[in-house]
Amino acid sequence: MLDLDRHRELLRTCSIAAALETVGERWSFLILRGAFNGLQHFEEFQSTLGIARNILSNRLGRLVENGILRREPDPADRRRVAYRLTDKGLDLLPVLLSLREWGERWVASGPSNPVLVDKATRRPIAPMAVRDADMRPLTRGELEWVDRSEL
């Protein structure tokens, strides 16, 4: 039987709230999508996303401050700044892909374009899934939150 007090305490220490505080805002996710698709310069983000300049400046600054993007001089033109994904930012790719799949299934009218494919095979990537350590897909009924000390 579930101990509600213990479960509440575990939820209070869950990292989801901290992660959302760092990137959980619509424009931030769209900026990240742009960065994963090769956008690097302020003007590229602004014209592609149609975002107000002040909001874009704020969100880029926050993503840099949180170590998700880094600012560096553009090698092609040292007067320009390029925004590049850090390792921390690159680790958000599965999150974005899962969010996109969820949107295609529950919000949009079907699959969206473009399609993400494996460069080597040109086949679409497999759907995101929760898997066990041996890569077996797991259903919600097969999952349980436990205190790390119980492992």
N, C-alpha and C. Protein backbone atom coordinates (compact mmCIF):
# COMPACT_ATOMS: atom_id res chain seq x y z
N MET A 1 0.84 -1.18 0.00
CA MET A 1 0.00 0.00 0.00
C MET A 1 0.89 1.25 0.00
N LEU A 2 0.43 2.28 -0.67
CA LEU A 2 1.19 3.52 -0.84
C LEU A 2 1.15 4.36 0.44
N ASP A 3 2.30 4.70 0.98
CA ASP A 3 2.42 5.60 2.12
C ASP A 3 2.39 7.02 1.56
N LEU A 4 1.25 7.71 1.70
CA LEU A 4 1.07 9.02 1.09
C LEU A 4 2.06 10.07 1.60
N ASP A 5 2.35 10.07 2.88
CA ASP A 5 3.30 11.06 3.41
C ASP A 5 4.68 10.86 2.80
N ARG A 6 5.11 9.61 2.73
CA ARG A 6 6.43 9.33 2.14
C ARG A 6 6.43 9.67 0.64
N HIS A 7 5.32 9.35 -0.04
CA HIS A 7 5.20 9.65 -1.47
C HIS A 7 5.25 11.17 -1.69
N ARG A 8 4.56 11.93 -0.88
CA ARG A 8 4.60 13.40 -1.00
C ARG A 8 6.02 13.94 -0.82
N GLU A 9 6.73 13.39 0.14
CA GLU A 9 8.10 13.83 0.39
C GLU A 9 8.99 13.51 -0.82
N LEU A 10 8.81 12.32 -1.40
CA LEU A 10 9.59 11.97 -2.59
C LEU A 10 9.29 12.93 -3.73
N LEU A 11 8.02 13.30 -3.91
CA LEU A 11 7.65 14.22 -4.98
C LEU A 11 8.25 15.61 -4.75
N ARG A 12 8.37 16.03 -3.50
CA ARG A 12 8.96 17.35 -3.21
C ARG A 12 10.43 17.40 -3.62
N THR A 13 11.10 16.27 -3.61
CA THR A 13 12.53 16.26 -3.97
C THR A 13 12.76 15.87 -5.42
N CYS A 14 11.69 15.68 -6.18
CA CYS A 14 11.80 15.31 -7.59
C CYS A 14 12.38 16.47 -8.40
N SER A 15 13.19 16.18 -9.40
CA SER A 15 13.88 17.21 -10.19
C SER A 15 13.02 17.85 -11.26
N ILE A 16 11.80 17.39 -11.47
CA ILE A 16 10.96 17.95 -12.54
C ILE A 16 10.73 19.45 -12.32
N ALA A 17 10.44 19.85 -11.09
CA ALA A 17 10.20 21.27 -10.83
C ALA A 17 11.44 22.11 -11.15
N ALA A 18 12.61 21.64 -10.77
CA ALA A 18 13.84 22.38 -11.06
C ALA A 18 14.10 22.45 -12.56
N ALA A 19 13.83 21.36 -13.27
CA ALA A 19 14.02 21.36 -14.72
C ALA A 19 13.07 22.34 -15.39
N LEU A 20 11.81 22.36 -14.97
CA LEU A 20 10.84 23.28 -15.56
C LEU A 20 11.19 24.73 -15.24
N GLU A 21 11.73 24.97 -14.08
CA GLU A 21 12.16 26.32 -13.72
C GLU A 21 13.28 26.78 -14.65
N THR A 22 14.09 25.86 -15.10
CA THR A 22 15.22 26.18 -15.97
C THR A 22 14.80 26.39 -17.42
N VAL A 23 13.95 25.53 -17.97
CA VAL A 23 13.60 25.63 -19.40
C VAL A 23 12.11 25.53 -19.70
N GLY A 24 11.26 25.45 -18.71
CA GLY A 24 9.86 25.15 -18.94
C GLY A 24 8.98 26.27 -19.41
N GLU A 25 9.36 26.93 -20.43
CA GLU A 25 8.60 28.05 -20.97
C GLU A 25 8.56 27.89 -22.49
N ARG A 26 7.42 28.19 -23.08
CA ARG A 26 7.18 27.95 -24.51
C ARG A 26 8.30 28.46 -25.41
N TRP A 27 8.66 29.72 -25.27
CA TRP A 27 9.67 30.29 -26.16
C TRP A 27 11.02 29.60 -25.99
N SER A 28 11.35 29.21 -24.76
CA SER A 28 12.63 28.53 -24.54
C SER A 28 12.68 27.22 -25.32
N PHE A 29 11.59 26.47 -25.30
CA PHE A 29 11.57 25.22 -26.04
C PHE A 29 11.65 25.46 -27.55
N LEU A 30 11.01 26.51 -28.04
CA LEU A 30 11.08 26.81 -29.47
C LEU A 30 12.47 27.29 -29.87
N ILE A 31 13.13 28.03 -28.98
CA ILE A 31 14.52 28.43 -29.23
C ILE A 31 15.41 27.18 -29.29
N LEU A 32 15.20 26.26 -28.36
CA LEU A 32 15.98 25.02 -28.37
C LEU A 32 15.73 24.22 -29.64
N ARG A 33 14.47 24.15 -30.06
CA ARG A 33 14.16 23.45 -31.32
C ARG A 33 14.95 24.09 -32.46
N GLY A 34 14.98 25.42 -32.49
CA GLY A 34 15.74 26.12 -33.52
C GLY A 34 17.22 25.81 -33.44
N ALA A 35 17.76 25.79 -32.23
CA ALA A 35 19.19 25.48 -32.06
C ALA A 35 19.50 24.06 -32.52
N PHE A 36 18.62 23.11 -32.22
CA PHE A 36 18.83 21.74 -32.69
C PHE A 36 18.75 21.65 -34.21
N ASN A 37 18.09 22.62 -34.82
CA ASN A 37 17.95 22.62 -36.28
C ASN A 37 18.90 23.60 -36.96
N GLY A 38 19.94 24.01 -36.24
CA GLY A 38 21.01 24.77 -36.87
C GLY A 38 20.96 26.28 -36.72
N LEU A 39 19.93 26.84 -36.08
CA LEU A 39 19.92 28.29 -35.88
C LEU A 39 20.98 28.63 -34.85
N GLN A 40 21.69 29.74 -35.10
CA GLN A 40 22.78 30.14 -34.20
C GLN A 40 22.78 31.61 -33.85
N HIS A 41 22.19 32.43 -34.69
CA HIS A 41 22.29 33.88 -34.51
C HIS A 41 20.95 34.48 -34.09
N PHE A 42 21.04 35.54 -33.33
CA PHE A 42 19.86 36.23 -32.83
C PHE A 42 18.85 36.49 -33.95
N GLU A 43 19.33 37.02 -35.07
CA GLU A 43 18.44 37.37 -36.18
C GLU A 43 17.76 36.14 -36.77
N GLU A 44 18.48 35.00 -36.81
CA GLU A 44 17.88 33.76 -37.31
C GLU A 44 16.74 33.29 -36.40
N PHE A 45 16.99 33.32 -35.10
CA PHE A 45 15.95 32.93 -34.15
C PHE A 45 14.75 33.87 -34.28
N GLN A 46 15.04 35.15 -34.34
CA GLN A 46 13.97 36.15 -34.37
C GLN A 46 13.10 36.02 -35.62
N SER A 47 13.72 35.90 -36.77
CA SER A 47 12.93 35.83 -38.00
C SER A 47 12.23 34.48 -38.17
N THR A 48 12.86 33.40 -37.73
CA THR A 48 12.26 32.07 -37.87
C THR A 48 11.10 31.88 -36.90
N LEU A 49 11.27 32.33 -35.65
CA LEU A 49 10.25 32.10 -34.63
C LEU A 49 9.20 33.20 -34.57
N GLY A 50 9.52 34.39 -35.10
CA GLY A 50 8.58 35.49 -35.02
C GLY A 50 8.42 36.00 -33.59
N ILE A 51 9.43 35.85 -32.79
CA ILE A 51 9.42 36.24 -31.39
C ILE A 51 9.87 37.69 -31.24
N ALA A 52 9.28 38.41 -30.32
CA ALA A 52 9.68 39.80 -30.06
C ALA A 52 11.14 39.83 -29.61
N ARG A 53 11.85 40.84 -30.04
CA ARG A 53 13.28 40.93 -29.77
C ARG A 53 13.58 40.94 -28.27
N ASN A 54 12.79 41.63 -27.48
CA ASN A 54 13.06 41.70 -26.04
C ASN A 54 12.84 40.34 -25.37
N ILE A 55 11.83 39.60 -25.81
CA ILE A 55 11.57 38.28 -25.25
C ILE A 55 12.68 37.32 -25.66
N LEU A 56 13.09 37.38 -26.93
CA LEU A 56 14.18 36.53 -27.41
C LEU A 56 15.46 36.81 -26.64
N SER A 57 15.78 38.08 -26.46
CA SER A 57 16.99 38.44 -25.72
C SER A 57 16.94 37.88 -24.30
N ASN A 58 15.79 38.01 -23.66
CA ASN A 58 15.62 37.50 -22.30
C ASN A 58 15.79 35.99 -22.26
N ARG A 59 15.13 35.27 -23.16
CA ARG A 59 15.18 33.80 -23.15
C ARG A 59 16.56 33.28 -23.51
N LEU A 60 17.22 33.89 -24.49
CA LEU A 60 18.59 33.48 -24.82
C LEU A 60 19.50 33.69 -23.63
N GLY A 61 19.37 34.84 -22.98
CA GLY A 61 20.19 35.12 -21.80
C GLY A 61 19.97 34.09 -20.70
N ARG A 62 18.73 33.72 -20.50
CA ARG A 62 18.42 32.73 -19.45
C ARG A 62 18.98 31.35 -19.81
N LEU A 63 18.87 30.96 -21.08
CA LEU A 63 19.41 29.67 -21.51
C LEU A 63 20.93 29.65 -21.39
N VAL A 64 21.58 30.79 -21.66
CA VAL A 64 23.03 30.89 -21.48
C VAL A 64 23.36 30.84 -19.99
N GLU A 65 22.64 31.61 -19.20
CA GLU A 65 22.87 31.65 -17.75
C GLU A 65 22.73 30.26 -17.12
N ASN A 66 21.81 29.47 -17.63
CA ASN A 66 21.58 28.13 -17.09
C ASN A 66 22.47 27.06 -17.74
N GLY A 67 23.39 27.47 -18.60
CA GLY A 67 24.36 26.53 -19.17
C GLY A 67 23.80 25.62 -20.25
N ILE A 68 22.69 26.01 -20.86
CA ILE A 68 22.06 25.20 -21.91
C ILE A 68 22.56 25.62 -23.28
N LEU A 69 22.77 26.92 -23.44
CA LEU A 69 23.42 27.47 -24.64
C LEU A 69 24.67 28.20 -24.19
N ARG A 70 25.60 28.36 -25.10
CA ARG A 70 26.77 29.20 -24.82
C ARG A 70 26.88 30.24 -25.93
N ARG A 71 27.34 31.41 -25.56
CA ARG A 71 27.59 32.50 -26.52
C ARG A 71 29.05 32.45 -26.89
N GLU A 72 29.31 32.55 -28.18
CA GLU A 72 30.70 32.62 -28.62
C GLU A 72 30.78 33.44 -29.89
N PRO A 73 31.93 34.03 -30.12
CA PRO A 73 32.08 34.80 -31.37
C PRO A 73 31.90 33.87 -32.57
N ASP A 74 31.23 34.38 -33.57
CA ASP A 74 31.04 33.61 -34.80
C ASP A 74 32.36 33.60 -35.56
N PRO A 75 32.90 32.40 -35.86
CA PRO A 75 34.19 32.35 -36.57
C PRO A 75 34.15 33.02 -37.94
N ALA A 76 32.97 33.06 -38.57
CA ALA A 76 32.87 33.68 -39.89
C ALA A 76 32.82 35.21 -39.81
N ASP A 77 32.37 35.75 -38.68
CA ASP A 77 32.27 37.19 -38.50
C ASP A 77 32.36 37.48 -37.01
N ARG A 78 33.54 37.86 -36.55
CA ARG A 78 33.80 38.05 -35.11
C ARG A 78 32.92 39.15 -34.48
N ARG A 79 32.25 39.96 -35.30
CA ARG A 79 31.37 40.99 -34.75
C ARG A 79 30.04 40.39 -34.33
N ARG A 80 29.74 39.17 -34.81
CA ARG A 80 28.47 38.51 -34.48
C ARG A 80 28.68 37.46 -33.39
N VAL A 81 27.61 37.20 -32.65
CA VAL A 81 27.62 36.19 -31.61
C VAL A 81 26.83 34.98 -32.11
N ALA A 82 27.36 33.80 -31.85
CA ALA A 82 26.66 32.56 -32.17
C ALA A 82 26.23 31.91 -30.86
N TYR A 83 25.03 31.34 -30.86
CA TYR A 83 24.53 30.59 -29.71
C TYR A 83 24.61 29.12 -30.08
N ARG A 84 25.31 28.36 -29.25
CA ARG A 84 25.49 26.94 -29.53
C ARG A 84 25.04 26.13 -28.32
N LEU A 85 24.50 24.96 -28.59
CA LEU A 85 24.07 24.06 -27.53
C LEU A 85 25.28 23.52 -26.77
N THR A 86 25.19 23.49 -25.47
CA THR A 86 26.20 22.86 -24.63
C THR A 86 25.82 21.37 -24.49
N ASP A 87 26.66 20.60 -23.83
CA ASP A 87 26.30 19.21 -23.56
C ASP A 87 25.00 19.14 -22.76
N LYS A 88 24.84 20.06 -21.83
CA LYS A 88 23.61 20.13 -21.03
C LYS A 88 22.41 20.39 -21.95
N GLY A 89 22.58 21.26 -22.92
CA GLY A 89 21.51 21.54 -23.87
C GLY A 89 21.23 20.37 -24.80
N LEU A 90 22.31 19.73 -25.26
CA LEU A 90 22.13 18.57 -26.15
C LEU A 90 21.36 17.44 -25.47
N ASP A 91 21.50 17.33 -24.16
CA ASP A 91 20.77 16.30 -23.42
C ASP A 91 19.27 16.55 -23.38
N LEU A 92 18.80 17.71 -23.84
CA LEU A 92 17.36 17.99 -23.89
C LEU A 92 16.70 17.44 -25.15
N LEU A 93 17.46 16.90 -26.09
CA LEU A 93 16.86 16.39 -27.33
C LEU A 93 15.77 15.35 -27.07
N PRO A 94 15.98 14.35 -26.24
CA PRO A 94 14.89 13.39 -26.01
C PRO A 94 13.64 14.04 -25.41
N VAL A 95 13.83 15.07 -24.61
CA VAL A 95 12.68 15.78 -24.03
C VAL A 95 11.88 16.45 -25.14
N LEU A 96 12.57 17.14 -26.04
CA LEU A 96 11.89 17.81 -27.15
C LEU A 96 11.20 16.81 -28.07
N LEU A 97 11.87 15.70 -28.34
CA LEU A 97 11.27 14.68 -29.21
C LEU A 97 10.04 14.07 -28.56
N SER A 98 10.10 13.81 -27.27
CA SER A 98 8.93 13.27 -26.57
C SER A 98 7.78 14.26 -26.58
N LEU A 99 8.08 15.53 -26.37
CA LEU A 99 7.05 16.56 -26.39
C LEU A 99 6.42 16.67 -27.78
N ARG A 100 7.23 16.59 -28.80
CA ARG A 100 6.71 16.64 -30.17
C ARG A 100 5.80 15.45 -30.44
N GLU A 101 6.24 14.24 -30.07
CA GLU A 101 5.41 13.06 -30.28
C GLU A 101 4.08 13.17 -29.55
N TRP A 102 4.12 13.67 -28.32
CA TRP A 102 2.89 13.85 -27.57
C TRP A 102 1.97 14.84 -28.29
N GLY A 103 2.54 15.94 -28.78
CA GLY A 103 1.76 16.93 -29.51
C GLY A 103 1.15 16.37 -30.78
N GLU A 104 1.90 15.54 -31.50
CA GLU A 104 1.37 14.92 -32.72
C GLU A 104 0.19 14.00 -32.39
N ARG A 105 0.30 13.29 -31.28
CA ARG A 105 -0.73 12.32 -30.93
C ARG A 105 -1.98 12.97 -30.33
N TRP A 106 -1.78 13.98 -29.47
CA TRP A 106 -2.89 14.49 -28.69
C TRP A 106 -3.36 15.89 -29.05
N VAL A 107 -2.56 16.67 -29.76
CA VAL A 107 -2.92 18.06 -30.01
C VAL A 107 -3.06 18.35 -31.50
N ALA A 108 -2.05 17.99 -32.27
CA ALA A 108 -2.06 18.27 -33.71
C ALA A 108 -2.95 17.26 -34.42
N SER A 109 -3.16 17.50 -35.68
CA SER A 109 -4.02 16.61 -36.45
C SER A 109 -3.28 15.42 -37.04
N GLY A 110 -2.10 15.14 -36.57
CA GLY A 110 -1.34 14.00 -37.07
C GLY A 110 0.14 14.30 -37.12
N PRO A 111 0.90 13.45 -37.79
CA PRO A 111 2.35 13.64 -37.86
C PRO A 111 2.72 14.99 -38.47
N SER A 112 3.76 15.59 -37.93
CA SER A 112 4.21 16.88 -38.44
C SER A 112 5.43 16.70 -39.33
N ASN A 113 5.80 17.77 -39.97
CA ASN A 113 6.92 17.80 -40.88
C ASN A 113 7.90 18.83 -40.35
N PRO A 114 9.17 18.68 -40.48
CA PRO A 114 9.91 17.58 -41.09
C PRO A 114 9.97 16.37 -40.16
N VAL A 115 10.50 15.28 -40.70
CA VAL A 115 10.64 14.03 -39.97
C VAL A 115 12.11 13.86 -39.59
N LEU A 116 12.37 13.49 -38.35
CA LEU A 116 13.75 13.25 -37.91
C LEU A 116 14.14 11.83 -38.31
N VAL A 117 15.26 11.71 -39.03
CA VAL A 117 15.71 10.41 -39.52
C VAL A 117 17.15 10.15 -39.09
N ASP A 118 17.51 8.89 -39.13
CA ASP A 118 18.89 8.46 -38.92
C ASP A 118 19.64 8.82 -40.20
N LYS A 119 20.70 9.61 -40.11
CA LYS A 119 21.46 10.03 -41.30
C LYS A 119 21.95 8.84 -42.12
N ALA A 120 22.39 7.79 -41.44
CA ALA A 120 22.99 6.64 -42.14
C ALA A 120 21.96 5.84 -42.92
N THR A 121 20.77 5.66 -42.35
CA THR A 121 19.77 4.79 -42.99
C THR A 121 18.64 5.55 -43.66
N ARG A 122 18.50 6.83 -43.34
CA ARG A 122 17.41 7.68 -43.82
C ARG A 122 16.04 7.18 -43.35
N ARG A 123 16.02 6.36 -42.30
CA ARG A 123 14.76 5.88 -41.74
C ARG A 123 14.38 6.76 -40.56
N PRO A 124 13.09 7.00 -40.38
CA PRO A 124 12.65 7.79 -39.22
C PRO A 124 13.08 7.12 -37.91
N ILE A 125 13.37 7.95 -36.92
CA ILE A 125 13.76 7.41 -35.62
C ILE A 125 12.56 6.69 -35.00
N ALA A 126 12.85 5.79 -34.10
CA ALA A 126 11.79 5.06 -33.39
C ALA A 126 11.10 6.00 -32.42
N PRO A 127 9.84 5.72 -32.10
CA PRO A 127 9.14 6.53 -31.10
C PRO A 127 9.87 6.48 -29.76
N MET A 128 9.78 7.57 -29.02
CA MET A 128 10.38 7.62 -27.69
C MET A 128 9.60 6.67 -26.80
N ALA A 129 10.29 6.03 -25.88
CA ALA A 129 9.63 5.09 -24.98
C ALA A 129 10.40 5.02 -23.66
N VAL A 130 9.68 4.67 -22.62
CA VAL A 130 10.30 4.39 -21.33
C VAL A 130 10.75 2.94 -21.39
N ARG A 131 12.02 2.71 -21.11
CA ARG A 131 12.58 1.37 -21.25
C ARG A 131 13.32 0.97 -19.98
N ASP A 132 13.40 -0.35 -19.77
CA ASP A 132 14.19 -0.84 -18.64
C ASP A 132 15.66 -0.87 -19.05
N ALA A 133 16.51 -1.29 -18.16
CA ALA A 133 17.95 -1.29 -18.42
C ALA A 133 18.34 -2.18 -19.59
N ASP A 134 17.50 -3.17 -19.91
CA ASP A 134 17.76 -4.06 -21.05
C ASP A 134 17.07 -3.60 -22.32
N MET A 135 16.51 -2.38 -22.31
CA MET A 135 15.86 -1.74 -23.46
C MET A 135 14.46 -2.28 -23.75
N ARG A 136 13.86 -3.02 -22.84
CA ARG A 136 12.50 -3.51 -23.02
C ARG A 136 11.54 -2.36 -22.72
N PRO A 137 10.61 -2.05 -23.64
CA PRO A 137 9.64 -0.98 -23.36
C PRO A 137 8.77 -1.34 -22.15
N LEU A 138 8.50 -0.35 -21.33
CA LEU A 138 7.69 -0.54 -20.13
C LEU A 138 6.40 0.26 -20.22
N THR A 139 5.33 -0.29 -19.69
CA THR A 139 4.05 0.43 -19.62
C THR A 139 3.96 1.14 -18.28
N ARG A 140 3.01 2.02 -18.15
CA ARG A 140 2.81 2.76 -16.89
C ARG A 140 2.60 1.79 -15.72
N GLY A 141 1.88 0.72 -15.96
CA GLY A 141 1.61 -0.25 -14.91
C GLY A 141 2.84 -0.99 -14.41
N GLU A 142 3.92 -0.95 -15.18
CA GLU A 142 5.16 -1.63 -14.80
C GLU A 142 6.15 -0.70 -14.09
N LEU A 143 5.73 0.53 -13.82
CA LEU A 143 6.61 1.53 -13.24
C LEU A 143 6.21 1.86 -11.81
N GLU A 144 7.18 2.24 -11.02
CA GLU A 144 6.93 2.63 -9.64
C GLU A 144 8.04 3.58 -9.19
N TRP A 145 7.68 4.64 -8.48
CA TRP A 145 8.66 5.55 -7.89
C TRP A 145 9.09 4.96 -6.56
N VAL A 146 10.38 4.87 -6.33
CA VAL A 146 10.90 4.42 -5.05
C VAL A 146 12.03 5.33 -4.61
N ASP A 147 12.29 5.34 -3.33
CA ASP A 147 13.41 6.10 -2.80
C ASP A 147 14.71 5.45 -3.29
N ARG A 148 15.63 6.28 -3.74
CA ARG A 148 16.91 5.79 -4.27
C ARG A 148 17.63 4.89 -3.26
N SER A 149 17.46 5.14 -1.98
CA SER A 149 18.12 4.34 -0.96
C SER A 149 17.60 2.90 -0.92
N GLU A 150 16.44 2.64 -1.56
CA GLU A 150 15.86 1.30 -1.57
C GLU A 150 16.39 0.45 -2.72
N LEU A 151 17.23 1.00 -3.56
CA LEU A 151 17.74 0.24 -4.72
C LEU A 151 18.93 -0.60 -4.33
